[in-house]
Structure formats: C-alpha cells, structure tokens
C-alpha cells in the first residue's frame, strides 16, 4: 500500500473543487453570502479542497515556510503586472 499517492490526492482535490463550483452554479453567490446553511456547505467544501491541497504539498515534501515564501514572491510579481 502506498503511503502517499500524489496523483490520487490531486484528483480528489479537483473533485472537491468541482463540488465548490457546483454550489456556486446551483445556489448562486447570493445564497453563499446570505444563507447560513449554503454558506456552511460551501465553506466545508472549500476546506476539503484546502485539505487535499495540503496533502499534495506534503506528498512532495513542501513545507509551509516554502509555500509562504513562494506565495509572497508570486503575489508581489502579480501585483506589479497591473
């Protein structure tokens, strides 16, 4: 049995992202902003995406400080584009 299947984690993350998109499509922005039940469901699905993303990063040995540094570099570069 594999301890860490990068491929599977990434695929599960994409499925969860699809569930997030499905809520947006079926319920709409207004429900996410104003209906507590829809908002909770949406937030749960976003958390699933984040958990699988974290799993993918861990599978590749990418630590939080590395993500932070690259994120800040990328953000700075993106902000200079506009």
C-alpha atoms as a PDB file:
ATOM      1  CA  UNK A   1       0.000   0.000   0.000  1.00  0.00           C
ATOM      2  CA  UNK A   2       1.282   3.460  -0.927  1.00  0.00           C
ATOM      3  CA  UNK A   3       1.806   5.820   1.974  1.00  0.00           C
ATOM      4  CA  UNK A   4       1.317   8.884  -0.183  1.00  0.00           C
ATOM      5  CA  UNK A   5      -0.336   8.873  -3.591  1.00  0.00           C
ATOM      6  CA  UNK A   6       0.283  12.317  -5.055  1.00  0.00           C
ATOM      7  CA  UNK A   7      -1.871  11.554  -8.076  1.00  0.00           C
ATOM      8  CA  UNK A   8      -4.847  10.412  -6.016  1.00  0.00           C
ATOM      9  CA  UNK A   9      -4.646  13.401  -3.667  1.00  0.00           C
ATOM     10  CA  UNK A  10      -4.566  15.784  -6.623  1.00  0.00           C
ATOM     11  CA  UNK A  11      -7.512  14.074  -8.294  1.00  0.00           C
ATOM     12  CA  UNK A  12      -9.559  14.142  -5.082  1.00  0.00           C
ATOM     13  CA  UNK A  13      -8.725  17.847  -4.690  1.00  0.00           C
ATOM     14  CA  UNK A  14     -10.043  18.517  -8.188  1.00  0.00           C
ATOM     15  CA  UNK A  15     -13.247  16.607  -7.434  1.00  0.00           C
ATOM     16  CA  UNK A  16     -13.754  18.689  -4.294  1.00  0.00           C
ATOM     17  CA  UNK A  17     -13.124  21.884  -6.294  1.00  0.00           C
ATOM     18  CA  UNK A  18     -15.860  20.719  -8.627  1.00  0.00           C
ATOM     19  CA  UNK A  19     -18.196  20.416  -5.655  1.00  0.00           C
ATOM     20  CA  UNK A  20     -17.374  24.018  -4.717  1.00  0.00           C
ATOM     21  CA  UNK A  21     -18.177  25.122  -8.268  1.00  0.00           C
ATOM     22  CA  UNK A  22     -21.385  23.091  -8.193  1.00  0.00           C
ATOM     23  CA  UNK A  23     -22.622  25.005  -5.145  1.00  0.00           C
ATOM     24  CA  UNK A  24     -21.871  28.297  -6.882  1.00  0.00           C
ATOM     25  CA  UNK A  25     -23.691  27.110 -10.008  1.00  0.00           C
ATOM     26  CA  UNK A  26     -26.749  25.669  -8.250  1.00  0.00           C
ATOM     27  CA  UNK A  27     -27.169  28.059  -5.323  1.00  0.00           C
ATOM     28  CA  UNK A  28     -25.566  31.281  -6.588  1.00  0.00           C
ATOM     29  CA  UNK A  29     -23.460  33.944  -4.984  1.00  0.00           C
ATOM     30  CA  UNK A  30     -26.332  35.486  -3.047  1.00  0.00           C
ATOM     31  CA  UNK A  31     -27.076  32.244  -1.197  1.00  0.00           C
ATOM     32  CA  UNK A  32     -23.410  31.769  -0.307  1.00  0.00           C
ATOM     33  CA  UNK A  33     -23.295  35.308   1.040  1.00  0.00           C
ATOM     34  CA  UNK A  34     -26.642  35.342   2.845  1.00  0.00           C
ATOM     35  CA  UNK A  35     -27.961  31.840   3.546  1.00  0.00           C
ATOM     36  CA  UNK A  36     -26.192  30.326   6.580  1.00  0.00           C
ATOM     37  CA  UNK A  37     -26.791  26.718   5.514  1.00  0.00           C
ATOM     38  CA  UNK A  38     -25.489  27.267   1.977  1.00  0.00           C
ATOM     39  CA  UNK A  39     -22.567  29.281   3.299  1.00  0.00           C
ATOM     40  CA  UNK A  40     -21.640  26.486   5.718  1.00  0.00           C
ATOM     41  CA  UNK A  41     -21.851  23.836   2.993  1.00  0.00           C
ATOM     42  CA  UNK A  42     -19.733  25.996   0.650  1.00  0.00           C
ATOM     43  CA  UNK A  43     -17.129  26.560   3.375  1.00  0.00           C
ATOM     44  CA  UNK A  44     -16.993  22.827   4.142  1.00  0.00           C
ATOM     45  CA  UNK A  45     -16.271  22.029   0.518  1.00  0.00           C
ATOM     46  CA  UNK A  46     -13.599  24.742   0.302  1.00  0.00           C
ATOM     47  CA  UNK A  47     -11.997  23.210   3.399  1.00  0.00           C
ATOM     48  CA  UNK A  48     -11.939  19.825   1.653  1.00  0.00           C
ATOM     49  CA  UNK A  49     -10.057  21.440  -1.242  1.00  0.00           C
ATOM     50  CA  UNK A  50      -7.570  23.008   1.166  1.00  0.00           C
ATOM     51  CA  UNK A  51      -7.034  19.713   2.999  1.00  0.00           C
ATOM     52  CA  UNK A  52      -6.286  17.840  -0.218  1.00  0.00           C
ATOM     53  CA  UNK A  53      -4.026  20.663  -1.411  1.00  0.00           C
ATOM     54  CA  UNK A  54      -2.119  20.409   1.854  1.00  0.00           C
ATOM     55  CA  UNK A  55      -1.846  16.635   1.359  1.00  0.00           C
ATOM     56  CA  UNK A  56      -0.433  17.164  -2.152  1.00  0.00           C
ATOM     57  CA  UNK A  57       2.152  19.603  -0.813  1.00  0.00           C
ATOM     58  CA  UNK A  58       3.150  17.194   1.939  1.00  0.00           C
ATOM     59  CA  UNK A  59       3.489  14.356  -0.578  1.00  0.00           C
ATOM     60  CA  UNK A  60       6.114  16.450  -2.340  1.00  0.00           C
ATOM     61  CA  UNK A  61       7.799  17.497   0.905  1.00  0.00           C
ATOM     62  CA  UNK A  62       6.787  21.136   0.505  1.00  0.00           C
ATOM     63  CA  UNK A  63       6.657  22.789   3.911  1.00  0.00           C
ATOM     64  CA  UNK A  64       4.551  25.782   4.984  1.00  0.00           C
ATOM     65  CA  UNK A  65       7.506  28.194   5.054  1.00  0.00           C
ATOM     66  CA  UNK A  66       8.324  27.304   1.443  1.00  0.00           C
ATOM     67  CA  UNK A  67       4.714  27.943   0.402  1.00  0.00           C
ATOM     68  CA  UNK A  68       4.748  31.259   2.269  1.00  0.00           C
ATOM     69  CA  UNK A  69       7.947  32.456   0.578  1.00  0.00           C
ATOM     70  CA  UNK A  70       6.876  31.466  -2.932  1.00  0.00           C
ATOM     71  CA  UNK A  71       3.365  32.858  -2.372  1.00  0.00           C
ATOM     72  CA  UNK A  72       4.749  36.245  -1.333  1.00  0.00           C
ATOM     73  CA  UNK A  73       7.141  36.321  -4.308  1.00  0.00           C
ATOM     74  CA  UNK A  74       4.339  35.390  -6.704  1.00  0.00           C
ATOM     75  CA  UNK A  75       1.934  37.915  -5.174  1.00  0.00           C
ATOM     76  CA  UNK A  76       4.496  40.706  -5.498  1.00  0.00           C
ATOM     77  CA  UNK A  77       5.156  39.770  -9.137  1.00  0.00           C
ATOM     78  CA  UNK A  78       1.424  39.599  -9.917  1.00  0.00           C
ATOM     79  CA  UNK A  79       0.735  42.957  -8.290  1.00  0.00           C
ATOM     80  CA  UNK A  80       3.411  44.604 -10.445  1.00  0.00           C
ATOM     81  CA  UNK A  81       1.651  43.429 -13.610  1.00  0.00           C
ATOM     82  CA  UNK A  82      -1.366  45.673 -13.165  1.00  0.00           C
END
